[in-house]
Amino acid sequence: QVQLVESGGGLVQAGGSLRLSCTASVRTFRMGWFRQAPGKERELVASSRRTGGSTYYADSVKGRFAISRDDAKNTVYLQMNSLKPADTAVYYCAADLYDTKYDYWGQGTQVTVSS
């Protein structure tokens, strides 16, 4: 069974930084970070493919967030800088093993940005 273990959420003031980590129990092809704020739909924030290293960022986080991965550790990171209250959400890590769809999800980690 594939497991994803997240860490790194917390409370930070606006303008601060946090780094999220997610470690998978298996090798993955694509890993992504999603977030869901209260009353809103879950949205893709950033993703990274193993082959070629291509990345994706939502417009709302471009220039502030950076996704990276350590394939030797099956781990993906999300460095979040210049955080805003609008970034407050539960952040979920997701894994796509075969470049088809995200089949596996982490438990979620709360990120709260105070103004």
C-alpha atoms as a PDB file:
ATOM      1  CA  GLN A   1       0.000   0.000   0.000  1.00  0.00           C
ATOM      2  CA  VAL A   2       1.322   3.411  -0.965  1.00  0.00           C
ATOM      3  CA  GLN A   3       1.729   5.828   1.902  1.00  0.00           C
ATOM      4  CA  LEU A   4       2.503   9.528   1.875  1.00  0.00           C
ATOM      5  CA  VAL A   5       3.703  11.194   5.043  1.00  0.00           C
ATOM      6  CA  GLU A   6       3.648  14.969   5.234  1.00  0.00           C
ATOM      7  CA  SER A   7       5.261  17.369   7.645  1.00  0.00           C
ATOM      8  CA  GLY A   8       6.100  21.024   7.998  1.00  0.00           C
ATOM      9  CA  GLY A   9       2.850  22.905   8.381  1.00  0.00           C
ATOM     10  CA  GLY A  10       2.206  25.439  11.088  1.00  0.00           C
ATOM     11  CA  LEU A  11       1.394  29.013  11.977  1.00  0.00           C
ATOM     12  CA  VAL A  12       3.394  31.858  10.471  1.00  0.00           C
ATOM     13  CA  GLN A  13       2.988  35.595  10.110  1.00  0.00           C
ATOM     14  CA  ALA A  14       2.368  37.184   6.746  1.00  0.00           C
ATOM     15  CA  GLY A  15       5.614  37.531   4.842  1.00  0.00           C
ATOM     16  CA  GLY A  16       7.120  34.502   6.523  1.00  0.00           C
ATOM     17  CA  SER A  17       8.205  31.149   5.141  1.00  0.00           C
ATOM     18  CA  LEU A  18       7.456  27.491   5.658  1.00  0.00           C
ATOM     19  CA  ARG A  19       8.716  24.323   4.033  1.00  0.00           C
ATOM     20  CA  LEU A  20       6.501  21.296   3.596  1.00  0.00           C
ATOM     21  CA  SER A  21       7.861  17.804   3.076  1.00  0.00           C
ATOM     22  CA  CYS A  22       6.192  14.665   1.796  1.00  0.00           C
ATOM     23  CA  THR A  23       7.796  11.239   1.696  1.00  0.00           C
ATOM     24  CA  ALA A  24       6.292   8.418  -0.338  1.00  0.00           C
ATOM     25  CA  SER A  25       6.722   4.742   0.444  1.00  0.00           C
ATOM     26  CA  VAL A  26       7.328   4.006  -3.256  1.00  0.00           C
ATOM     27  CA  ARG A  27       8.918   5.617  -6.262  1.00  0.00           C
ATOM     28  CA  THR A  28       6.612   8.101  -7.952  1.00  0.00           C
ATOM     29  CA  PHE A  29       6.430   9.694 -11.377  1.00  0.00           C
ATOM     30  CA  ARG A  30       4.685  12.916 -10.510  1.00  0.00           C
ATOM     31  CA  MET A  31       4.079  14.497  -7.144  1.00  0.00           C
ATOM     32  CA  GLY A  32       1.928  17.456  -6.411  1.00  0.00           C
ATOM     33  CA  TRP A  33       0.874  19.756  -3.630  1.00  0.00           C
ATOM     34  CA  PHE A  34      -2.781  20.689  -3.367  1.00  0.00           C
ATOM     35  CA  ARG A  35      -4.525  22.921  -0.877  1.00  0.00           C
ATOM     36  CA  GLN A  36      -8.054  23.387   0.336  1.00  0.00           C
ATOM     37  CA  ALA A  37      -9.271  26.386   2.240  1.00  0.00           C
ATOM     38  CA  PRO A  38     -12.559  26.370   4.180  1.00  0.00           C
ATOM     39  CA  GLY A  39     -15.503  26.633   1.819  1.00  0.00           C
ATOM     40  CA  LYS A  40     -13.328  26.309  -1.276  1.00  0.00           C
ATOM     41  CA  GLU A  41     -12.484  23.522  -3.662  1.00  0.00           C
ATOM     42  CA  ARG A  42      -9.185  21.738  -3.531  1.00  0.00           C
ATOM     43  CA  GLU A  43      -6.703  23.295  -5.943  1.00  0.00           C
ATOM     44  CA  LEU A  44      -3.375  22.224  -7.366  1.00  0.00           C
ATOM     45  CA  VAL A  45      -0.625  24.489  -6.102  1.00  0.00           C
ATOM     46  CA  ALA A  46       2.487  22.919  -7.619  1.00  0.00           C
ATOM     47  CA  SER A  47       3.658  19.679  -9.176  1.00  0.00           C
ATOM     48  CA  SER A  48       6.874  18.070 -10.298  1.00  0.00           C
ATOM     49  CA  ARG A  49       7.619  15.230 -12.703  1.00  0.00           C
ATOM     50  CA  ARG A  50      10.527  12.901 -12.164  1.00  0.00           C
ATOM     51  CA  THR A  51      11.432  12.638 -15.839  1.00  0.00           C
ATOM     52  CA  GLY A  52      12.741  15.912 -17.193  1.00  0.00           C
ATOM     53  CA  GLY A  53      12.042  17.691 -13.952  1.00  0.00           C
ATOM     54  CA  SER A  54       9.186  19.747 -15.343  1.00  0.00           C
ATOM     55  CA  THR A  55       7.195  21.726 -12.828  1.00  0.00           C
ATOM     56  CA  TYR A  56       3.845  23.466 -12.612  1.00  0.00           C
ATOM     57  CA  TYR A  57       2.756  26.345 -10.391  1.00  0.00           C
ATOM     58  CA  ALA A  58      -0.618  27.926  -9.889  1.00  0.00           C
ATOM     59  CA  ASP A  59      -0.596  31.593 -10.844  1.00  0.00           C
ATOM     60  CA  SER A  60      -1.368  32.561  -7.269  1.00  0.00           C
ATOM     61  CA  VAL A  61       1.943  31.148  -6.001  1.00  0.00           C
ATOM     62  CA  LYS A  62       4.350  31.777  -8.881  1.00  0.00           C
ATOM     63  CA  GLY A  63       7.480  33.519  -7.706  1.00  0.00           C
ATOM     64  CA  ARG A  64       6.763  32.710  -4.049  1.00  0.00           C
ATOM     65  CA  PHE A  65       6.610  28.909  -3.852  1.00  0.00           C
ATOM     66  CA  ALA A  66       9.151  26.405  -5.106  1.00  0.00           C
ATOM     67  CA  ILE A  67       8.705  22.671  -5.476  1.00  0.00           C
ATOM     68  CA  SER A  68      11.662  20.320  -5.439  1.00  0.00           C
ATOM     69  CA  ARG A  69      12.212  16.620  -5.045  1.00  0.00           C
ATOM     70  CA  ASP A  70      14.802  14.186  -3.830  1.00  0.00           C
ATOM     71  CA  ASP A  71      14.114  11.016  -5.770  1.00  0.00           C
ATOM     72  CA  ALA A  72      16.654   9.046  -3.776  1.00  0.00           C
ATOM     73  CA  LYS A  73      14.416   9.643  -0.764  1.00  0.00           C
ATOM     74  CA  ASN A  74      11.067   9.592  -2.622  1.00  0.00           C
ATOM     75  CA  THR A  75      10.489  13.009  -1.093  1.00  0.00           C
ATOM     76  CA  VAL A  76       9.021  16.211  -2.447  1.00  0.00           C
ATOM     77  CA  TYR A  77       9.306  19.621  -0.827  1.00  0.00           C
ATOM     78  CA  LEU A  78       7.329  22.810  -1.101  1.00  0.00           C
ATOM     79  CA  GLN A  79       9.213  25.915  -0.057  1.00  0.00           C
ATOM     80  CA  MET A  80       6.704  28.670   0.606  1.00  0.00           C
ATOM     81  CA  ASN A  81       7.989  32.222   0.876  1.00  0.00           C
ATOM     82  CA  SER A  82       6.269  35.593   1.226  1.00  0.00           C
ATOM     83  CA  LEU A  83       3.238  33.871   2.654  1.00  0.00           C
ATOM     84  CA  LYS A  84      -0.084  35.647   2.639  1.00  0.00           C
ATOM     85  CA  PRO A  85      -3.241  35.102   4.693  1.00  0.00           C
ATOM     86  CA  ALA A  86      -4.842  33.865   1.459  1.00  0.00           C
ATOM     87  CA  ASP A  87      -2.405  30.923   1.541  1.00  0.00           C
ATOM     88  CA  THR A  88      -4.099  29.608   4.676  1.00  0.00           C
ATOM     89  CA  ALA A  89      -5.372  26.111   3.934  1.00  0.00           C
ATOM     90  CA  VAL A  90      -4.850  22.440   4.513  1.00  0.00           C
ATOM     91  CA  TYR A  91      -2.078  21.334   2.193  1.00  0.00           C
ATOM     92  CA  TYR A  92      -2.113  17.831   0.738  1.00  0.00           C
ATOM     93  CA  CYS A  93       0.623  15.915  -0.967  1.00  0.00           C
ATOM     94  CA  ALA A  94      -0.421  13.644  -3.828  1.00  0.00           C
ATOM     95  CA  ALA A  95       1.369  11.010  -5.876  1.00  0.00           C
ATOM     96  CA  ASP A  96       0.900   9.850  -9.444  1.00  0.00           C
ATOM     97  CA  LEU A  97       2.858   6.659 -10.046  1.00  0.00           C
ATOM     98  CA  TYR A  98       2.396   6.315 -13.816  1.00  0.00           C
ATOM     99  CA  ASP A  99       1.724   9.834 -15.165  1.00  0.00           C
ATOM    100  CA  THR A 100      -2.000   9.198 -15.288  1.00  0.00           C
ATOM    101  CA  LYS A 101      -3.693  10.727 -12.276  1.00  0.00           C
ATOM    102  CA  TYR A 102      -3.121  11.402  -8.615  1.00  0.00           C
ATOM    103  CA  ASP A 103      -4.107   8.173  -6.924  1.00  0.00           C
ATOM    104  CA  TYR A 104      -2.576   8.579  -3.517  1.00  0.00           C
ATOM    105  CA  TRP A 105      -2.928  11.335  -0.970  1.00  0.00           C
ATOM    106  CA  GLY A 106      -1.275  12.399   2.234  1.00  0.00           C
ATOM    107  CA  GLN A 107      -3.178  13.148   5.410  1.00  0.00           C
ATOM    108  CA  GLY A 108      -2.912  16.898   5.005  1.00  0.00           C
ATOM    109  CA  THR A 109      -1.075  19.509   7.011  1.00  0.00           C
ATOM    110  CA  GLN A 110      -2.497  22.826   8.189  1.00  0.00           C
ATOM    111  CA  VAL A 111      -0.838  26.051   7.113  1.00  0.00           C
ATOM    112  CA  THR A 112      -2.119  29.192   8.797  1.00  0.00           C
ATOM    113  CA  VAL A 113      -0.839  32.634   7.862  1.00  0.00           C
ATOM    114  CA  SER A 114      -1.761  35.444  10.217  1.00  0.00           C
ATOM    115  CA  SER A 115      -2.000  39.065   9.142  1.00  0.00           C
END
